[in-house]
Amino acid sequence: MRVDIAKHDCMLIWDGVYWFPLSNYPYITDWELKKLLVFGEYEKRHGRKTEIICEEATVLRVIKEAKKNPEKYMSAGPPAKQTECTACRHGGCLTKYVCHTAPAENAAEIFRRGKILSAEKVFNKTGAELAKEPRNAPNDPPDYFSYVMLAWGNCPAGDRLVTERKLGGYTSEEDFEKNFTPGVRFFFLYEDIAKLPGFCFDGYAPAKVRDEIILEDCLYACVAPEQYEKAIRDSVPRSLADRVFYLPQVGFGMWDWPDRVYGFIASQTQTRRRNSFPPSTKQ
């Protein structure tokens, strides 16, 4: 895997390249160093080498020194707003919540099961098999399919992926807006997910969980576009019903909708729902 550090607009792994922006290029924070160190170790565990490239020699020198004393950076945590990636209306990732986004039909099945499954569990295939399928447009490695992948709560990537798969692959920004298909968002507190036995931080995704996430354990809230309510409501267990919300989506597009949903989660669930939720994780 090649890690390309530069003034990128977004953070992305695609076809063997990790596009790695910095919040204040060419300066690198302890949190960004931790991500690089953790990513390198994760790749090493899975038999892959990592090459880091950057036009700024000072950045490479700092990284080289950090590799000599990695434990110095392991206590670093994400800032409240992570500004390495700015591909959203907030101009950065807000790190209180993480979320998993699914199409409406998949969301109904998730509620019927009571858990979100990794791709391996959903399709009953190995990661090696899934990595070879056409739907793996980014050319993700096999181990990625062993996990439930999570993004920061305000990230539009999940809705983008739902739309992309509906359209059959990557297309123009105009087509994305015209054919925007919002997903159903399952929100979790980052601190709750980090306590789960299957939690993994790989230096790229803010969090991923091996095999499954049981909704009863830690679902904070779920937000679905209002037009999906009939398709989803009957599948929602009674114990989770007060954590599921349906919002009008008409008039909100690729960039507006994630902002609208996050604004709702940040305000409404804090003031009206959180005190009635059960403990976030089972001990």
C-alpha atoms as a PDB file:
ATOM      1  CA  MET A   1       0.000   0.000   0.000  1.00  0.00           C
ATOM      2  CA  ARG A   2       1.271   3.466  -0.863  1.00  0.00           C
ATOM      3  CA  VAL A   3       0.538   6.342   1.518  1.00  0.00           C
ATOM      4  CA  ASP A   4       0.516   9.636  -0.399  1.00  0.00           C
ATOM      5  CA  ILE A   5       0.798  12.621   1.985  1.00  0.00           C
ATOM      6  CA  ALA A   6      -0.082  15.965   0.377  1.00  0.00           C
ATOM      7  CA  LYS A   7      -2.707  18.724   0.264  1.00  0.00           C
ATOM      8  CA  HIS A   8      -5.547  16.379  -0.669  1.00  0.00           C
ATOM      9  CA  ASP A   9      -9.175  17.472  -0.250  1.00  0.00           C
ATOM     10  CA  CYS A  10     -10.258  14.159   1.197  1.00  0.00           C
ATOM     11  CA  MET A  11      -8.887  11.053   2.872  1.00  0.00           C
ATOM     12  CA  LEU A  12      -9.420   7.913   0.818  1.00  0.00           C
ATOM     13  CA  ILE A  13      -8.010   4.472   0.089  1.00  0.00           C
ATOM     14  CA  TRP A  14      -8.499   3.544  -3.544  1.00  0.00           C
ATOM     15  CA  ASP A  15      -6.755   0.885  -5.597  1.00  0.00           C
ATOM     16  CA  GLY A  16      -3.767   0.490  -3.314  1.00  0.00           C
ATOM     17  CA  VAL A  17      -3.185   4.177  -2.554  1.00  0.00           C
ATOM     18  CA  TYR A  18      -4.001   5.850   0.772  1.00  0.00           C
ATOM     19  CA  TRP A  19      -4.550   9.536  -0.004  1.00  0.00           C
ATOM     20  CA  PHE A  20      -3.481  11.046   3.301  1.00  0.00           C
ATOM     21  CA  PRO A  21      -4.091  14.784   3.851  1.00  0.00           C
ATOM     22  CA  LEU A  22      -2.847  16.705   6.887  1.00  0.00           C
ATOM     23  CA  SER A  23      -4.890  19.171   8.918  1.00  0.00           C
ATOM     24  CA  ASN A  24      -2.122  21.787   8.652  1.00  0.00           C
ATOM     25  CA  TYR A  25       0.198  20.703   5.848  1.00  0.00           C
ATOM     26  CA  PRO A  26       3.191  20.442   5.984  1.00  0.00           C
ATOM     27  CA  TYR A  27       2.946  20.064   9.774  1.00  0.00           C
ATOM     28  CA  ILE A  28       1.837  16.716  11.178  1.00  0.00           C
ATOM     29  CA  THR A  29       0.023  16.216  14.493  1.00  0.00           C
ATOM     30  CA  ASP A  30       0.434  13.430  17.047  1.00  0.00           C
ATOM     31  CA  TRP A  31      -2.974  12.068  16.006  1.00  0.00           C
ATOM     32  CA  GLU A  32      -1.938  11.959  12.344  1.00  0.00           C
ATOM     33  CA  LEU A  33       1.315  10.237  13.294  1.00  0.00           C
ATOM     34  CA  LYS A  34      -0.648   7.679  15.297  1.00  0.00           C
ATOM     35  CA  LYS A  35      -2.828   6.968  12.266  1.00  0.00           C
ATOM     36  CA  LEU A  36       0.226   6.364  10.095  1.00  0.00           C
ATOM     37  CA  LEU A  37       1.910   4.145  12.682  1.00  0.00           C
ATOM     38  CA  VAL A  38      -1.229   2.095  13.322  1.00  0.00           C
ATOM     39  CA  PHE A  39      -1.891   1.785   9.603  1.00  0.00           C
ATOM     40  CA  GLY A  40       1.617   0.481   8.991  1.00  0.00           C
ATOM     41  CA  GLU A  41       1.258  -2.132  11.743  1.00  0.00           C
ATOM     42  CA  TYR A  42      -2.173  -3.205  10.475  1.00  0.00           C
ATOM     43  CA  GLU A  43      -0.824  -3.659   6.952  1.00  0.00           C
ATOM     44  CA  LYS A  44       2.185  -5.582   8.278  1.00  0.00           C
ATOM     45  CA  ARG A  45      -0.075  -7.995  10.181  1.00  0.00           C
ATOM     46  CA  HIS A  46      -1.841  -8.755   6.907  1.00  0.00           C
ATOM     47  CA  GLY A  47       1.330  -9.316   4.946  1.00  0.00           C
ATOM     48  CA  ARG A  48       1.424  -6.013   3.097  1.00  0.00           C
ATOM     49  CA  LYS A  49       4.251  -3.498   2.891  1.00  0.00           C
ATOM     50  CA  THR A  50       3.691   0.242   3.264  1.00  0.00           C
ATOM     51  CA  GLU A  51       5.467   2.954   1.284  1.00  0.00           C
ATOM     52  CA  ILE A  52       5.080   6.556   2.465  1.00  0.00           C
ATOM     53  CA  ILE A  53       5.675   9.365  -0.021  1.00  0.00           C
ATOM     54  CA  CYS A  54       5.597  13.137   0.518  1.00  0.00           C
ATOM     55  CA  GLU A  55       7.185  16.088  -1.258  1.00  0.00           C
ATOM     56  CA  GLU A  56       8.053  17.681   2.086  1.00  0.00           C
ATOM     57  CA  ALA A  57      11.240  16.140   3.454  1.00  0.00           C
ATOM     58  CA  THR A  58      10.509  17.518   6.930  1.00  0.00           C
ATOM     59  CA  VAL A  59       7.315  15.459   7.121  1.00  0.00           C
ATOM     60  CA  LEU A  60       9.204  12.297   6.213  1.00  0.00           C
ATOM     61  CA  ARG A  61      11.838  13.056   8.854  1.00  0.00           C
ATOM     62  CA  VAL A  62       9.211  13.470  11.577  1.00  0.00           C
ATOM     63  CA  ILE A  63       7.591  10.181  10.559  1.00  0.00           C
ATOM     64  CA  LYS A  64      10.959   8.422  10.610  1.00  0.00           C
ATOM     65  CA  GLU A  65      11.588   9.650  14.157  1.00  0.00           C
ATOM     66  CA  ALA A  66       8.081   8.640  15.259  1.00  0.00           C
ATOM     67  CA  LYS A  67       8.713   5.083  14.077  1.00  0.00           C
ATOM     68  CA  LYS A  68      11.627   4.874  16.520  1.00  0.00           C
ATOM     69  CA  ASN A  69       9.365   5.686  19.476  1.00  0.00           C
ATOM     70  CA  PRO A  70       5.806   4.702  18.458  1.00  0.00           C
ATOM     71  CA  GLU A  71       4.454   4.310  22.010  1.00  0.00           C
ATOM     72  CA  LYS A  72       4.796   8.080  22.426  1.00  0.00           C
ATOM     73  CA  TYR A  73       1.835   8.552  20.067  1.00  0.00           C
ATOM     74  CA  MET A  74      -0.475   5.690  20.995  1.00  0.00           C
ATOM     75  CA  SER A  75      -2.381   7.726  23.586  1.00  0.00           C
ATOM     76  CA  ALA A  76      -3.322  10.388  21.016  1.00  0.00           C
ATOM     77  CA  GLY A  77      -7.032  10.478  20.253  1.00  0.00           C
ATOM     78  CA  PRO A  78      -9.075  12.130  17.529  1.00  0.00           C
ATOM     79  CA  PRO A  79      -9.799  15.829  18.045  1.00  0.00           C
ATOM     80  CA  ALA A  80     -13.438  16.893  18.369  1.00  0.00           C
ATOM     81  CA  LYS A  81     -13.185  18.077  14.763  1.00  0.00           C
ATOM     82  CA  GLN A  82     -10.714  16.308  12.512  1.00  0.00           C
ATOM     83  CA  THR A  83      -9.826  18.621   9.621  1.00  0.00           C
ATOM     84  CA  GLU A  84      -7.570  16.376   7.539  1.00  0.00           C
ATOM     85  CA  CYS A  85     -10.528  15.544   5.268  1.00  0.00           C
ATOM     86  CA  THR A  86     -12.739  18.489   4.291  1.00  0.00           C
ATOM     87  CA  ALA A  87     -15.133  16.791   1.830  1.00  0.00           C
ATOM     88  CA  CYS A  88     -18.323  17.800   3.656  1.00  0.00           C
ATOM     89  CA  ARG A  89     -20.341  20.855   4.658  1.00  0.00           C
ATOM     90  CA  HIS A  90     -18.700  20.924   8.094  1.00  0.00           C
ATOM     91  CA  GLY A  91     -15.226  21.222   6.609  1.00  0.00           C
ATOM     92  CA  GLY A  92     -14.007  18.315   8.714  1.00  0.00           C
ATOM     93  CA  CYS A  93     -14.985  15.109  10.515  1.00  0.00           C
ATOM     94  CA  LEU A  94     -16.945  15.511  13.743  1.00  0.00           C
ATOM     95  CA  THR A  95     -15.784  12.687  15.949  1.00  0.00           C
ATOM     96  CA  LYS A  96     -18.389  12.180  18.663  1.00  0.00           C
ATOM     97  CA  TYR A  97     -20.395   9.695  16.587  1.00  0.00           C
ATOM     98  CA  VAL A  98     -19.636   7.024  14.016  1.00  0.00           C
ATOM     99  CA  CYS A  99     -22.197   5.585  11.658  1.00  0.00           C
ATOM    100  CA  HIS A 100     -22.917   2.760   9.240  1.00  0.00           C
ATOM    101  CA  THR A 101     -25.043   3.580   6.190  1.00  0.00           C
ATOM    102  CA  ALA A 102     -27.201   1.012   4.378  1.00  0.00           C
ATOM    103  CA  PRO A 103     -29.840   0.987   1.608  1.00  0.00           C
ATOM    104  CA  ALA A 104     -33.436   0.811   2.867  1.00  0.00           C
ATOM    105  CA  GLU A 105     -33.890  -2.888   2.043  1.00  0.00           C
ATOM    106  CA  ASN A 106     -30.660  -3.765   3.847  1.00  0.00           C
ATOM    107  CA  ALA A 107     -31.665  -1.634   6.824  1.00  0.00           C
ATOM    108  CA  ALA A 108     -34.915  -3.577   7.197  1.00  0.00           C
ATOM    109  CA  GLU A 109     -32.942  -6.826   7.233  1.00  0.00           C
ATOM    110  CA  ILE A 110     -30.516  -5.393   9.795  1.00  0.00           C
ATOM    111  CA  PHE A 111     -33.431  -4.658  12.127  1.00  0.00           C
ATOM    112  CA  ARG A 112     -34.919  -8.127  11.586  1.00  0.00           C
ATOM    113  CA  ARG A 113     -31.578  -9.690  12.541  1.00  0.00           C
ATOM    114  CA  GLY A 114     -30.976  -7.209  15.348  1.00  0.00           C
ATOM    115  CA  LYS A 115     -27.391  -6.681  14.194  1.00  0.00           C
ATOM    116  CA  ILE A 116     -25.187  -5.291  11.461  1.00  0.00           C
ATOM    117  CA  LEU A 117     -23.024  -7.969   9.871  1.00  0.00           C
ATOM    118  CA  SER A 118     -19.716  -7.804   8.041  1.00  0.00           C
ATOM    119  CA  ALA A 119     -19.802  -8.475   4.295  1.00  0.00           C
ATOM    120  CA  GLU A 120     -18.372 -11.960   4.890  1.00  0.00           C
ATOM    121  CA  LYS A 121     -21.271 -12.791   7.206  1.00  0.00           C
ATOM    122  CA  VAL A 122     -23.940 -11.193   5.005  1.00  0.00           C
ATOM    123  CA  PHE A 123     -22.913 -12.957   1.805  1.00  0.00           C
ATOM    124  CA  ASN A 124     -21.488 -16.113   3.430  1.00  0.00           C
ATOM    125  CA  LYS A 125     -18.326 -15.742   1.364  1.00  0.00           C
ATOM    126  CA  THR A 126     -14.672 -15.345   2.221  1.00  0.00           C
ATOM    127  CA  GLY A 127     -12.922 -12.003   2.018  1.00  0.00           C
ATOM    128  CA  ALA A 128     -10.816 -13.390  -0.827  1.00  0.00           C
ATOM    129  CA  GLU A 129     -13.970 -14.167  -2.816  1.00  0.00           C
ATOM    130  CA  LEU A 130     -15.558 -10.783  -2.115  1.00  0.00           C
ATOM    131  CA  ALA A 131     -12.374  -8.910  -3.035  1.00  0.00           C
ATOM    132  CA  LYS A 132     -12.634 -10.298  -6.576  1.00  0.00           C
ATOM    133  CA  GLU A 133     -16.232  -9.189  -7.155  1.00  0.00           C
ATOM    134  CA  PRO A 134     -17.073  -6.195  -9.397  1.00  0.00           C
ATOM    135  CA  ARG A 135     -18.711  -4.376  -6.476  1.00  0.00           C
ATOM    136  CA  ASN A 136     -15.238  -3.998  -4.947  1.00  0.00           C
ATOM    137  CA  ALA A 137     -14.502  -0.918  -7.032  1.00  0.00           C
ATOM    138  CA  PRO A 138     -11.846   0.478  -4.635  1.00  0.00           C
ATOM    139  CA  ASN A 139      -9.956  -2.846  -4.824  1.00  0.00           C
ATOM    140  CA  ASP A 140     -10.103  -3.273  -1.046  1.00  0.00           C
ATOM    141  CA  PRO A 141      -8.041  -6.172   0.356  1.00  0.00           C
ATOM    142  CA  PRO A 142      -9.772  -9.358   1.608  1.00  0.00           C
ATOM    143  CA  ASP A 143      -9.459  -8.575   5.339  1.00  0.00           C
ATOM    144  CA  TYR A 144     -11.625  -5.465   4.993  1.00  0.00           C
ATOM    145  CA  PHE A 145     -14.659  -7.683   4.401  1.00  0.00           C
ATOM    146  CA  SER A 146     -14.340  -9.277   7.847  1.00  0.00           C
ATOM    147  CA  TYR A 147     -15.498  -6.051   9.506  1.00  0.00           C
ATOM    148  CA  VAL A 148     -18.506  -3.798   9.835  1.00  0.00           C
ATOM    149  CA  MET A 149     -17.081  -0.541   8.516  1.00  0.00           C
ATOM    150  CA  LEU A 150     -17.943   2.746  10.217  1.00  0.00           C
ATOM    151  CA  ALA A 151     -17.423   6.368   9.172  1.00  0.00           C
ATOM    152  CA  TRP A 152     -17.524   9.542  11.235  1.00  0.00           C
ATOM    153  CA  GLY A 153     -21.099  10.604  11.901  1.00  0.00           C
ATOM    154  CA  ASN A 154     -21.231  13.586   9.543  1.00  0.00           C
ATOM    155  CA  CYS A 155     -19.372  11.914   6.654  1.00  0.00           C
ATOM    156  CA  PRO A 156     -21.276  11.774   3.315  1.00  0.00           C
ATOM    157  CA  ALA A 157     -19.332   8.730   2.084  1.00  0.00           C
ATOM    158  CA  GLY A 158     -22.006   6.201   3.085  1.00  0.00           C
ATOM    159  CA  ASP A 159     -24.781   7.924   1.116  1.00  0.00           C
ATOM    160  CA  ARG A 160     -22.394   8.335  -1.780  1.00  0.00           C
ATOM    161  CA  LEU A 161     -21.685   4.603  -1.792  1.00  0.00           C
ATOM    162  CA  VAL A 162     -25.409   3.741  -1.685  1.00  0.00           C
ATOM    163  CA  THR A 163     -25.993   6.028  -4.685  1.00  0.00           C
ATOM    164  CA  GLU A 164     -22.953   4.717  -6.550  1.00  0.00           C
ATOM    165  CA  ARG A 165     -24.078   1.114  -6.228  1.00  0.00           C
ATOM    166  CA  LYS A 166     -27.541   2.013  -7.443  1.00  0.00           C
ATOM    167  CA  LEU A 167     -26.001   3.644 -10.522  1.00  0.00           C
ATOM    168  CA  GLY A 168     -23.724   0.665 -11.113  1.00  0.00           C
ATOM    169  CA  GLY A 169     -20.417   2.377 -10.435  1.00  0.00           C
ATOM    170  CA  TYR A 170     -18.683   5.712 -10.263  1.00  0.00           C
ATOM    171  CA  THR A 171     -20.180   8.465 -12.386  1.00  0.00           C
ATOM    172  CA  SER A 172     -20.195  12.260 -12.677  1.00  0.00           C
ATOM    173  CA  GLU A 173     -21.019  14.615  -9.810  1.00  0.00           C
ATOM    174  CA  GLU A 174     -24.037  15.802 -11.818  1.00  0.00           C
ATOM    175  CA  ASP A 175     -25.380  12.248 -12.017  1.00  0.00           C
ATOM    176  CA  PHE A 176     -24.802  11.780  -8.297  1.00  0.00           C
ATOM    177  CA  GLU A 177     -26.883  14.836  -7.479  1.00  0.00           C
ATOM    178  CA  LYS A 178     -29.592  14.008 -10.005  1.00  0.00           C
ATOM    179  CA  ASN A 179     -29.916  10.386  -8.877  1.00  0.00           C
ATOM    180  CA  PHE A 180     -29.068  10.851  -5.205  1.00  0.00           C
ATOM    181  CA  THR A 181     -30.328   7.890  -3.161  1.00  0.00           C
ATOM    182  CA  PRO A 182     -29.855   8.491   0.567  1.00  0.00           C
ATOM    183  CA  GLY A 183     -29.195   5.564   2.849  1.00  0.00           C
ATOM    184  CA  VAL A 184     -30.374   4.696   6.340  1.00  0.00           C
ATOM    185  CA  ARG A 185     -27.826   5.778   8.954  1.00  0.00           C
ATOM    186  CA  PHE A 186     -27.108   3.781  12.105  1.00  0.00           C
ATOM    187  CA  PHE A 187     -25.370   6.010  14.667  1.00  0.00           C
ATOM    188  CA  PHE A 188     -23.156   4.960  17.573  1.00  0.00           C
ATOM    189  CA  LEU A 189     -21.120   6.905  20.080  1.00  0.00           C
ATOM    190  CA  TYR A 190     -17.466   6.478  19.190  1.00  0.00           C
ATOM    191  CA  GLU A 191     -16.616   5.772  22.834  1.00  0.00           C
ATOM    192  CA  ASP A 192     -19.187   2.953  22.928  1.00  0.00           C
ATOM    193  CA  ILE A 193     -17.890   1.291  19.767  1.00  0.00           C
ATOM    194  CA  ALA A 194     -14.321   1.480  21.074  1.00  0.00           C
ATOM    195  CA  LYS A 195     -15.360  -0.733  24.020  1.00  0.00           C
ATOM    196  CA  LEU A 196     -16.643  -3.614  21.888  1.00  0.00           C
ATOM    197  CA  PRO A 197     -14.504  -6.780  21.841  1.00  0.00           C
ATOM    198  CA  GLY A 198     -14.303  -6.768  18.032  1.00  0.00           C
ATOM    199  CA  PHE A 199     -13.314  -3.098  17.731  1.00  0.00           C
ATOM    200  CA  CYS A 200     -10.401  -2.326  15.428  1.00  0.00           C
ATOM    201  CA  PHE A 201      -8.693   0.931  14.493  1.00  0.00           C
ATOM    202  CA  ASP A 202      -6.637   0.374  11.351  1.00  0.00           C
ATOM    203  CA  GLY A 203      -5.314   3.902  10.866  1.00  0.00           C
ATOM    204  CA  TYR A 204      -7.836   4.614   8.099  1.00  0.00           C
ATOM    205  CA  ALA A 205     -11.456   3.980   9.062  1.00  0.00           C
ATOM    206  CA  PRO A 206     -12.271   5.700  12.381  1.00  0.00           C
ATOM    207  CA  ALA A 207     -13.599   2.363  13.601  1.00  0.00           C
ATOM    208  CA  LYS A 208     -14.535  -1.061  12.365  1.00  0.00           C
ATOM    209  CA  VAL A 209     -15.875  -4.065  14.255  1.00  0.00           C
ATOM    210  CA  ARG A 210     -15.117  -7.705  13.534  1.00  0.00           C
ATOM    211  CA  ASP A 211     -18.071  -9.795  12.315  1.00  0.00           C
ATOM    212  CA  GLU A 212     -21.045  -7.932  13.823  1.00  0.00           C
ATOM    213  CA  ILE A 213     -22.506  -5.087  15.859  1.00  0.00           C
ATOM    214  CA  ILE A 214     -25.519  -6.021  17.988  1.00  0.00           C
ATOM    215  CA  LEU A 215     -27.962  -3.113  17.951  1.00  0.00           C
ATOM    216  CA  GLU A 216     -29.314  -3.691  21.453  1.00  0.00           C
ATOM    217  CA  ASP A 217     -25.800  -3.258  22.827  1.00  0.00           C
ATOM    218  CA  CYS A 218     -24.980   0.193  21.573  1.00  0.00           C
ATOM    219  CA  LEU A 219     -27.229   1.701  18.870  1.00  0.00           C
ATOM    220  CA  TYR A 220     -27.479   5.392  19.690  1.00  0.00           C
ATOM    221  CA  ALA A 221     -30.024   6.291  17.014  1.00  0.00           C
ATOM    222  CA  CYS A 222     -31.037   5.455  13.476  1.00  0.00           C
ATOM    223  CA  VAL A 223     -32.181   8.036  10.933  1.00  0.00           C
ATOM    224  CA  ALA A 224     -34.031   7.074   7.760  1.00  0.00           C
ATOM    225  CA  PRO A 225     -35.469   9.258   5.000  1.00  0.00           C
ATOM    226  CA  GLU A 226     -39.208   9.629   5.518  1.00  0.00           C
ATOM    227  CA  GLN A 227     -39.993   7.869   2.226  1.00  0.00           C
ATOM    228  CA  TYR A 228     -38.503   4.628   3.618  1.00  0.00           C
ATOM    229  CA  GLU A 229     -40.708   4.495   6.706  1.00  0.00           C
ATOM    230  CA  LYS A 230     -43.203   1.942   5.342  1.00  0.00           C
ATOM    231  CA  ALA A 231     -40.381  -0.337   4.202  1.00  0.00           C
ATOM    232  CA  ILE A 232     -38.624  -0.238   7.565  1.00  0.00           C
ATOM    233  CA  ARG A 233     -41.043   0.365  10.427  1.00  0.00           C
ATOM    234  CA  ASP A 234     -42.475  -3.176  10.700  1.00  0.00           C
ATOM    235  CA  SER A 235     -38.958  -4.615  10.927  1.00  0.00           C
ATOM    236  CA  VAL A 236     -37.890  -2.476  13.885  1.00  0.00           C
ATOM    237  CA  PRO A 237     -38.010  -4.351  17.225  1.00  0.00           C
ATOM    238  CA  ARG A 238     -40.153  -2.673  19.862  1.00  0.00           C
ATOM    239  CA  SER A 239     -37.098  -2.292  22.092  1.00  0.00           C
ATOM    240  CA  LEU A 240     -35.414  -0.101  19.448  1.00  0.00           C
ATOM    241  CA  ALA A 241     -38.438   1.831  18.196  1.00  0.00           C
ATOM    242  CA  ASP A 242     -37.693   4.982  20.205  1.00  0.00           C
ATOM    243  CA  ARG A 243     -34.216   5.172  18.683  1.00  0.00           C
ATOM    244  CA  VAL A 244     -35.426   5.262  15.061  1.00  0.00           C
ATOM    245  CA  PHE A 245     -36.329   8.554  13.390  1.00  0.00           C
ATOM    246  CA  TYR A 246     -37.765   9.372   9.964  1.00  0.00           C
ATOM    247  CA  LEU A 247     -36.892  12.749   8.464  1.00  0.00           C
ATOM    248  CA  PRO A 248     -38.185  14.469   5.308  1.00  0.00           C
ATOM    249  CA  GLN A 249     -35.452  14.256   2.687  1.00  0.00           C
ATOM    250  CA  VAL A 250     -37.060  15.899  -0.346  1.00  0.00           C
ATOM    251  CA  GLY A 251     -35.000  18.934  -1.327  1.00  0.00           C
ATOM    252  CA  PHE A 252     -31.861  17.703   0.446  1.00  0.00           C
ATOM    253  CA  GLY A 253     -29.140  16.417  -1.857  1.00  0.00           C
ATOM    254  CA  MET A 254     -25.776  14.675  -1.653  1.00  0.00           C
ATOM    255  CA  TRP A 255     -24.168  17.338   0.525  1.00  0.00           C
ATOM    256  CA  ASP A 256     -27.197  18.806   2.340  1.00  0.00           C
ATOM    257  CA  TRP A 257     -28.688  15.524   3.556  1.00  0.00           C
ATOM    258  CA  PRO A 258     -25.760  14.295   5.712  1.00  0.00           C
ATOM    259  CA  ASP A 259     -25.567  17.762   7.253  1.00  0.00           C
ATOM    260  CA  ARG A 260     -29.295  17.721   8.020  1.00  0.00           C
ATOM    261  CA  VAL A 261     -29.136  14.257   9.578  1.00  0.00           C
ATOM    262  CA  TYR A 262     -26.113  15.047  11.715  1.00  0.00           C
ATOM    263  CA  GLY A 263     -27.679  18.272  12.936  1.00  0.00           C
ATOM    264  CA  PHE A 264     -30.742  16.326  14.014  1.00  0.00           C
ATOM    265  CA  ILE A 265     -28.693  13.674  15.828  1.00  0.00           C
ATOM    266  CA  ALA A 266     -26.550  16.249  17.600  1.00  0.00           C
ATOM    267  CA  SER A 267     -29.560  18.176  18.910  1.00  0.00           C
ATOM    268  CA  GLN A 268     -32.670  16.021  19.170  1.00  0.00           C
ATOM    269  CA  THR A 269     -31.225  12.804  20.523  1.00  0.00           C
ATOM    270  CA  GLN A 270     -29.252  14.625  23.202  1.00  0.00           C
ATOM    271  CA  THR A 271     -32.255  16.524  24.491  1.00  0.00           C
ATOM    272  CA  ARG A 272     -35.079  14.016  24.014  1.00  0.00           C
ATOM    273  CA  ARG A 273     -33.795  10.453  23.867  1.00  0.00           C
ATOM    274  CA  ARG A 274     -30.449   9.708  25.388  1.00  0.00           C
ATOM    275  CA  ASN A 275     -31.592   9.464  29.023  1.00  0.00           C
ATOM    276  CA  SER A 276     -34.053   6.712  28.121  1.00  0.00           C
ATOM    277  CA  PHE A 277     -31.477   4.540  26.325  1.00  0.00           C
ATOM    278  CA  PRO A 278     -30.201   1.378  28.001  1.00  0.00           C
ATOM    279  CA  PRO A 279     -26.525   1.019  28.970  1.00  0.00           C
ATOM    280  CA  SER A 280     -24.368   1.443  25.902  1.00  0.00           C
ATOM    281  CA  THR A 281     -22.514  -1.867  26.121  1.00  0.00           C
ATOM    282  CA  LYS A 282     -22.913  -5.185  27.862  1.00  0.00           C
ATOM    283  CA  GLN A 283     -20.157  -5.898  30.302  1.00  0.00           C
END
